């Protein structure tokens, strides 16, 4: 998915949803792209993810077909059962901004479709005027 295919109004509401659960740093928008990994690039894990994802699903009416938080996020603190989980459930699969966007568009979390998507790494915003949450700058 390329930046030209994006409805920036919808994307802006997704970013605002993320901002409400987890503060993206003041300059964090400079490199924000569809391929931005929520946990590795933005640091959203554990309790932050547990706050963000249910709100995202509710706000955008996304059906949780195959969503499993353990695929994408590591639990906060020490997880006694992590060694017993299958490798696919150890928080190692990237969850990208483009995946949230596509889920909001299709109204469903289809892990195979979302994880195999090709998301552009080109920055989404070129200037301060383009950034959706008020008060943020590049």
N, C-alpha and C. Protein backbone atom coordinates (compact mmCIF):
# COMPACT_ATOMS: atom_id res chain seq x y z
N UNK A 1 0.85 -1.16 0.00
CA UNK A 1 0.00 0.00 0.00
C UNK A 1 0.90 1.23 0.00
N UNK A 2 0.61 2.13 -0.88
CA UNK A 2 1.40 3.35 -1.04
C UNK A 2 0.67 4.53 -0.39
N UNK A 3 1.39 5.57 -0.07
CA UNK A 3 0.80 6.76 0.55
C UNK A 3 -0.30 7.39 -0.30
N UNK A 4 -0.20 7.25 -1.62
CA UNK A 4 -1.20 7.83 -2.52
C UNK A 4 -2.55 7.13 -2.41
N UNK A 5 -2.57 5.91 -1.84
CA UNK A 5 -3.80 5.13 -1.70
C UNK A 5 -4.53 5.42 -0.39
N UNK A 6 -3.98 6.30 0.43
CA UNK A 6 -4.47 6.50 1.79
C UNK A 6 -5.49 7.63 1.87
N UNK A 7 -6.56 7.39 2.63
CA UNK A 7 -7.52 8.43 3.00
C UNK A 7 -6.94 9.08 4.26
N UNK A 8 -6.35 10.26 4.10
CA UNK A 8 -5.64 10.91 5.21
C UNK A 8 -6.57 11.34 6.34
N UNK A 9 -7.85 11.54 6.05
CA UNK A 9 -8.79 11.87 7.12
C UNK A 9 -8.97 10.66 8.04
N UNK A 10 -9.16 9.47 7.46
CA UNK A 10 -9.27 8.25 8.25
C UNK A 10 -7.96 7.98 8.99
N UNK A 11 -6.85 8.11 8.29
CA UNK A 11 -5.54 7.88 8.92
C UNK A 11 -5.34 8.83 10.09
N UNK A 12 -5.76 10.08 9.94
CA UNK A 12 -5.65 11.05 11.03
C UNK A 12 -6.41 10.62 12.26
N UNK A 13 -7.61 10.05 12.08
CA UNK A 13 -8.39 9.59 13.24
C UNK A 13 -7.73 8.37 13.89
N UNK A 14 -7.08 7.53 13.09
CA UNK A 14 -6.34 6.39 13.66
C UNK A 14 -5.17 6.90 14.49
N UNK A 15 -4.45 7.87 13.98
CA UNK A 15 -3.31 8.43 14.71
C UNK A 15 -3.77 9.12 15.98
N UNK A 16 -4.91 9.79 15.94
CA UNK A 16 -5.45 10.41 17.15
C UNK A 16 -5.81 9.34 18.18
N UNK A 17 -6.34 8.21 17.73
CA UNK A 17 -6.65 7.09 18.62
C UNK A 17 -5.36 6.59 19.29
N UNK A 18 -4.30 6.46 18.51
CA UNK A 18 -3.01 6.04 19.06
C UNK A 18 -2.52 7.07 20.07
N UNK A 19 -2.65 8.36 19.72
CA UNK A 19 -2.19 9.44 20.60
C UNK A 19 -2.91 9.42 21.95
N UNK A 20 -4.17 9.05 21.95
CA UNK A 20 -4.93 9.02 23.20
C UNK A 20 -4.44 7.93 24.14
N UNK A 21 -3.96 6.82 23.57
CA UNK A 21 -3.48 5.71 24.39
C UNK A 21 -1.99 5.80 24.67
N UNK A 22 -1.26 6.38 23.74
CA UNK A 22 0.20 6.42 23.84
C UNK A 22 0.70 7.68 23.15
N UNK A 23 1.42 8.49 23.87
CA UNK A 23 1.91 9.76 23.32
C UNK A 23 3.06 9.53 22.35
N UNK A 24 2.84 9.85 21.08
CA UNK A 24 3.92 9.83 20.10
C UNK A 24 4.73 11.10 20.36
N UNK A 25 6.03 10.97 20.47
CA UNK A 25 6.89 12.11 20.77
C UNK A 25 6.67 13.28 19.83
N UNK A 26 7.03 14.46 20.31
CA UNK A 26 6.80 15.70 19.55
C UNK A 26 7.34 15.61 18.13
N UNK A 27 8.48 14.99 17.95
CA UNK A 27 9.07 14.87 16.62
C UNK A 27 8.83 13.49 16.01
N UNK A 28 8.00 12.69 16.63
CA UNK A 28 7.76 11.34 16.16
C UNK A 28 7.08 11.24 14.81
N UNK A 29 6.49 12.33 14.36
CA UNK A 29 5.77 12.31 13.09
C UNK A 29 6.70 12.44 11.89
N UNK A 30 7.92 12.84 12.13
CA UNK A 30 8.87 13.08 11.04
C UNK A 30 9.08 11.84 10.18
N UNK A 31 9.17 10.67 10.80
CA UNK A 31 9.42 9.43 10.06
C UNK A 31 8.22 8.49 10.06
N UNK A 32 7.07 8.95 10.51
CA UNK A 32 5.89 8.10 10.57
C UNK A 32 5.50 7.67 9.16
N UNK A 33 5.33 6.37 8.96
CA UNK A 33 4.96 5.83 7.65
C UNK A 33 3.99 4.68 7.86
N UNK A 34 3.46 4.15 6.77
CA UNK A 34 2.57 3.00 6.87
C UNK A 34 3.30 1.77 7.38
N UNK A 35 4.61 1.74 7.23
CA UNK A 35 5.39 0.59 7.72
C UNK A 35 5.92 0.79 9.14
N UNK A 36 5.54 1.89 9.80
CA UNK A 36 5.96 2.11 11.18
C UNK A 36 5.41 0.99 12.05
N UNK A 37 6.29 0.33 12.79
CA UNK A 37 5.93 -0.77 13.69
C UNK A 37 5.55 -0.17 15.04
N UNK A 38 4.32 -0.43 15.47
CA UNK A 38 3.84 0.17 16.71
C UNK A 38 4.70 -0.20 17.90
N UNK A 39 5.14 -1.46 18.00
CA UNK A 39 5.92 -1.82 19.17
C UNK A 39 7.40 -1.50 19.03
N UNK A 40 8.01 -1.78 17.92
CA UNK A 40 9.45 -1.58 17.80
C UNK A 40 9.83 -0.12 17.51
N UNK A 41 9.02 0.58 16.71
CA UNK A 41 9.34 1.97 16.37
C UNK A 41 8.75 2.97 17.36
N UNK A 42 7.53 2.69 17.85
CA UNK A 42 6.87 3.63 18.76
C UNK A 42 6.94 3.20 20.22
N UNK A 43 7.29 1.94 20.47
CA UNK A 43 7.41 1.46 21.85
C UNK A 43 6.09 1.11 22.51
N UNK A 44 5.06 0.81 21.72
CA UNK A 44 3.76 0.45 22.29
C UNK A 44 3.75 -1.05 22.57
N UNK A 45 3.70 -1.41 23.85
CA UNK A 45 3.66 -2.82 24.28
C UNK A 45 2.84 -2.92 25.55
N UNK A 46 2.63 -4.12 26.01
CA UNK A 46 2.01 -4.39 27.30
C UNK A 46 0.73 -3.62 27.54
N UNK A 47 0.71 -2.87 28.65
CA UNK A 47 -0.50 -2.14 29.05
C UNK A 47 -0.92 -1.09 28.02
N UNK A 48 0.06 -0.45 27.38
CA UNK A 48 -0.28 0.53 26.34
C UNK A 48 -1.04 -0.14 25.20
N UNK A 49 -0.58 -1.31 24.78
CA UNK A 49 -1.26 -2.06 23.71
C UNK A 49 -2.63 -2.52 24.17
N UNK A 50 -2.73 -2.95 25.43
CA UNK A 50 -4.02 -3.40 25.97
C UNK A 50 -5.03 -2.27 26.07
N UNK A 51 -4.55 -1.05 26.16
CA UNK A 51 -5.43 0.11 26.16
C UNK A 51 -5.78 0.53 24.73
N UNK A 52 -4.80 0.50 23.85
CA UNK A 52 -4.99 0.98 22.48
C UNK A 52 -5.88 0.07 21.64
N UNK A 53 -5.57 -1.20 21.58
CA UNK A 53 -6.23 -2.07 20.61
C UNK A 53 -7.73 -2.22 20.83
N UNK A 54 -8.23 -2.47 22.05
CA UNK A 54 -9.69 -2.54 22.21
C UNK A 54 -10.39 -1.24 21.81
N UNK A 55 -9.76 -0.10 22.13
CA UNK A 55 -10.34 1.19 21.74
C UNK A 55 -10.34 1.34 20.21
N UNK A 56 -9.25 0.91 19.57
CA UNK A 56 -9.18 0.95 18.10
C UNK A 56 -10.30 0.10 17.49
N UNK A 57 -10.45 -1.14 17.97
CA UNK A 57 -11.48 -2.03 17.43
C UNK A 57 -12.88 -1.44 17.63
N UNK A 58 -13.14 -0.86 18.79
CA UNK A 58 -14.45 -0.28 19.08
C UNK A 58 -14.70 0.95 18.20
N UNK A 59 -13.73 1.85 18.18
CA UNK A 59 -13.91 3.12 17.48
C UNK A 59 -14.10 2.93 15.98
N UNK A 60 -13.41 1.96 15.39
CA UNK A 60 -13.48 1.77 13.94
C UNK A 60 -14.34 0.56 13.54
N UNK A 61 -15.08 0.01 14.50
CA UNK A 61 -15.99 -1.13 14.27
C UNK A 61 -15.30 -2.27 13.54
N UNK A 62 -14.11 -2.64 14.01
CA UNK A 62 -13.33 -3.70 13.39
C UNK A 62 -13.69 -5.03 14.05
N UNK A 63 -14.07 -6.00 13.22
CA UNK A 63 -14.39 -7.34 13.70
C UNK A 63 -13.09 -8.09 13.98
N UNK A 64 -13.00 -8.70 15.14
CA UNK A 64 -11.78 -9.39 15.56
C UNK A 64 -11.76 -10.83 15.06
N UNK A 65 -11.63 -11.03 13.77
CA UNK A 65 -11.64 -12.37 13.19
C UNK A 65 -10.49 -13.22 13.73
N UNK A 66 -9.26 -12.79 13.48
CA UNK A 66 -8.10 -13.60 13.85
C UNK A 66 -7.11 -12.81 14.70
N UNK A 67 -7.56 -11.77 15.38
CA UNK A 67 -6.65 -10.97 16.20
C UNK A 67 -6.25 -11.74 17.45
N UNK A 68 -4.96 -11.79 17.70
CA UNK A 68 -4.40 -12.41 18.91
C UNK A 68 -3.31 -11.47 19.41
N UNK A 69 -3.51 -10.80 20.54
CA UNK A 69 -2.52 -9.82 21.01
C UNK A 69 -1.14 -10.41 21.22
N UNK A 70 -1.06 -11.69 21.55
CA UNK A 70 0.24 -12.31 21.79
C UNK A 70 1.06 -12.47 20.51
N UNK A 71 0.44 -12.35 19.34
CA UNK A 71 1.20 -12.40 18.09
C UNK A 71 2.05 -11.14 17.93
N UNK A 72 1.54 -10.01 18.43
CA UNK A 72 2.14 -8.71 18.14
C UNK A 72 2.81 -8.03 19.34
N UNK A 73 2.32 -8.30 20.53
CA UNK A 73 2.80 -7.58 21.70
C UNK A 73 3.31 -8.53 22.77
N UNK A 74 4.38 -8.11 23.43
CA UNK A 74 4.93 -8.84 24.57
C UNK A 74 4.22 -8.30 25.81
N UNK A 75 3.87 -9.20 26.71
CA UNK A 75 3.22 -8.78 27.95
C UNK A 75 4.19 -7.93 28.78
N UNK A 76 3.62 -7.00 29.55
CA UNK A 76 4.46 -6.16 30.40
C UNK A 76 4.89 -6.95 31.62
N UNK A 77 6.09 -6.67 32.11
CA UNK A 77 6.61 -7.39 33.27
C UNK A 77 7.11 -8.77 32.86
N UNK A 78 7.28 -9.64 33.84
CA UNK A 78 7.76 -10.99 33.55
C UNK A 78 6.57 -11.89 33.28
N UNK A 79 6.58 -12.56 32.15
CA UNK A 79 5.49 -13.43 31.73
C UNK A 79 5.90 -14.88 31.96
N UNK A 80 5.39 -15.48 33.02
CA UNK A 80 5.77 -16.85 33.39
C UNK A 80 5.44 -17.88 32.32
N UNK A 81 4.42 -17.62 31.54
CA UNK A 81 3.97 -18.62 30.56
C UNK A 81 4.52 -18.39 29.16
N UNK A 82 5.37 -17.41 28.97
CA UNK A 82 5.84 -17.09 27.62
C UNK A 82 6.57 -18.26 26.96
N UNK A 83 7.29 -19.06 27.73
CA UNK A 83 8.03 -20.18 27.15
C UNK A 83 7.10 -21.29 26.66
N UNK A 84 5.88 -21.32 27.13
CA UNK A 84 4.92 -22.35 26.73
C UNK A 84 4.11 -21.96 25.50
N UNK A 85 4.18 -20.70 25.11
CA UNK A 85 3.41 -20.24 23.96
C UNK A 85 4.10 -20.64 22.66
N UNK A 86 3.30 -20.90 21.64
CA UNK A 86 3.85 -21.18 20.32
C UNK A 86 4.65 -19.97 19.84
N UNK A 87 5.62 -20.20 18.98
CA UNK A 87 6.48 -19.11 18.50
C UNK A 87 5.67 -17.98 17.87
N UNK A 88 4.57 -18.32 17.21
CA UNK A 88 3.73 -17.30 16.57
C UNK A 88 2.98 -16.45 17.59
N UNK A 89 3.04 -16.82 18.87
CA UNK A 89 2.32 -16.08 19.91
C UNK A 89 3.27 -15.46 20.93
N UNK A 90 4.47 -15.07 20.50
CA UNK A 90 5.44 -14.51 21.43
C UNK A 90 5.75 -13.05 21.14
N UNK A 91 4.84 -12.34 20.50
CA UNK A 91 5.00 -10.90 20.28
C UNK A 91 6.08 -10.52 19.31
N UNK A 92 6.38 -11.40 18.37
CA UNK A 92 7.49 -11.13 17.45
C UNK A 92 7.04 -10.64 16.07
N UNK A 93 5.75 -10.67 15.81
CA UNK A 93 5.25 -10.25 14.51
C UNK A 93 4.99 -8.74 14.56
N UNK A 94 5.57 -7.97 13.64
CA UNK A 94 5.37 -6.52 13.65
C UNK A 94 3.90 -6.16 13.40
N UNK A 95 3.42 -5.17 14.12
CA UNK A 95 2.08 -4.63 13.87
C UNK A 95 2.29 -3.20 13.36
N UNK A 96 1.98 -3.00 12.11
CA UNK A 96 2.31 -1.74 11.43
C UNK A 96 1.11 -0.81 11.36
N UNK A 97 1.41 0.47 11.25
CA UNK A 97 0.37 1.48 11.12
C UNK A 97 -0.53 1.16 9.92
N UNK A 98 0.06 0.69 8.83
CA UNK A 98 -0.71 0.31 7.64
C UNK A 98 -1.69 -0.82 7.92
N UNK A 99 -1.35 -1.71 8.85
CA UNK A 99 -2.25 -2.79 9.22
C UNK A 99 -3.49 -2.22 9.92
N UNK A 100 -3.29 -1.25 10.81
CA UNK A 100 -4.43 -0.62 11.47
C UNK A 100 -5.30 0.10 10.44
N UNK A 101 -4.66 0.79 9.51
CA UNK A 101 -5.40 1.51 8.48
C UNK A 101 -6.24 0.54 7.64
N UNK A 102 -5.62 -0.53 7.18
CA UNK A 102 -6.34 -1.50 6.35
C UNK A 102 -7.46 -2.18 7.13
N UNK A 103 -7.24 -2.47 8.40
CA UNK A 103 -8.29 -3.07 9.24
C UNK A 103 -9.46 -2.09 9.39
N UNK A 104 -9.17 -0.81 9.54
CA UNK A 104 -10.24 0.19 9.66
C UNK A 104 -11.03 0.30 8.36
N UNK A 105 -10.35 0.18 7.23
CA UNK A 105 -11.01 0.25 5.92
C UNK A 105 -11.89 -0.97 5.69
N UNK A 106 -11.35 -2.17 5.98
CA UNK A 106 -12.08 -3.42 5.70
C UNK A 106 -13.03 -3.81 6.82
N UNK A 107 -12.90 -3.15 7.99
CA UNK A 107 -13.73 -3.42 9.17
C UNK A 107 -13.53 -4.83 9.71
N UNK A 108 -12.35 -5.41 9.47
CA UNK A 108 -12.05 -6.76 9.96
C UNK A 108 -10.56 -6.91 10.20
N UNK A 109 -10.21 -7.68 11.23
CA UNK A 109 -8.80 -8.01 11.48
C UNK A 109 -8.55 -9.39 10.90
N UNK A 110 -8.01 -9.43 9.71
CA UNK A 110 -7.65 -10.67 9.03
C UNK A 110 -6.12 -10.74 9.05
N UNK A 111 -5.58 -11.51 10.00
CA UNK A 111 -4.13 -11.55 10.22
C UNK A 111 -3.34 -11.85 8.96
N UNK A 112 -3.79 -12.80 8.18
CA UNK A 112 -3.04 -13.18 6.97
C UNK A 112 -3.01 -12.01 5.98
N UNK A 113 -4.15 -11.42 5.73
CA UNK A 113 -4.22 -10.27 4.81
C UNK A 113 -3.36 -9.12 5.32
N UNK A 114 -3.49 -8.78 6.58
CA UNK A 114 -2.79 -7.63 7.14
C UNK A 114 -1.28 -7.85 7.24
N UNK A 115 -0.87 -9.04 7.66
CA UNK A 115 0.55 -9.32 7.85
C UNK A 115 1.31 -9.48 6.54
N UNK A 116 0.62 -9.83 5.48
CA UNK A 116 1.30 -10.01 4.19
C UNK A 116 1.24 -8.75 3.32
N UNK A 117 0.63 -7.70 3.84
CA UNK A 117 0.54 -6.45 3.09
C UNK A 117 1.91 -5.80 2.92
N UNK A 118 2.05 -5.08 1.83
CA UNK A 118 3.29 -4.35 1.55
C UNK A 118 3.02 -2.88 1.84
N UNK A 119 3.59 -2.37 2.92
CA UNK A 119 3.31 -1.01 3.38
C UNK A 119 4.49 -0.09 3.09
N UNK A 120 4.19 1.06 2.54
CA UNK A 120 5.22 2.03 2.15
C UNK A 120 5.98 2.54 3.37
N UNK A 121 7.29 2.72 3.20
CA UNK A 121 8.10 3.29 4.28
C UNK A 121 8.39 4.78 4.03
N UNK A 122 7.70 5.33 3.03
CA UNK A 122 7.84 6.77 2.73
C UNK A 122 7.11 7.57 3.82
N UNK A 123 7.71 8.63 4.38
CA UNK A 123 7.04 9.42 5.42
C UNK A 123 5.67 9.91 4.96
N UNK A 124 4.70 9.85 5.88
CA UNK A 124 3.33 10.23 5.57
C UNK A 124 3.13 11.74 5.52
N UNK A 125 3.90 12.48 6.31
CA UNK A 125 3.68 13.91 6.44
C UNK A 125 4.89 14.69 5.95
N UNK A 126 4.61 15.74 5.18
CA UNK A 126 5.68 16.56 4.61
C UNK A 126 5.88 17.87 5.38
N UNK A 127 4.83 18.32 6.08
CA UNK A 127 4.92 19.59 6.80
C UNK A 127 4.05 19.54 8.05
N UNK A 128 4.24 20.53 8.92
CA UNK A 128 3.46 20.61 10.15
C UNK A 128 1.96 20.70 9.88
N UNK A 129 1.58 21.35 8.81
CA UNK A 129 0.16 21.53 8.49
C UNK A 129 -0.53 20.20 8.20
N UNK A 130 0.22 19.18 7.80
CA UNK A 130 -0.36 17.89 7.45
C UNK A 130 -0.63 17.01 8.67
N UNK A 131 0.00 17.31 9.80
CA UNK A 131 -0.07 16.43 10.97
C UNK A 131 -1.41 16.59 11.67
N UNK A 132 -2.14 15.46 11.91
CA UNK A 132 -3.49 15.55 12.47
C UNK A 132 -3.59 16.03 13.92
N UNK A 133 -2.90 15.44 14.91
CA UNK A 133 -3.12 15.92 16.28
C UNK A 133 -2.56 17.32 16.47
N UNK A 134 -3.34 18.22 17.03
CA UNK A 134 -2.87 19.60 17.21
C UNK A 134 -1.65 19.68 18.12
N UNK A 135 -0.77 20.63 17.82
CA UNK A 135 0.37 20.88 18.68
C UNK A 135 1.61 20.07 18.38
N UNK A 136 1.59 19.26 17.35
CA UNK A 136 2.77 18.46 17.01
C UNK A 136 3.49 19.07 15.82
N UNK A 137 4.80 18.92 15.83
CA UNK A 137 5.61 19.50 14.77
C UNK A 137 6.62 18.49 14.27
N UNK A 138 7.08 18.76 13.06
CA UNK A 138 8.15 17.95 12.48
C UNK A 138 9.47 18.63 12.74
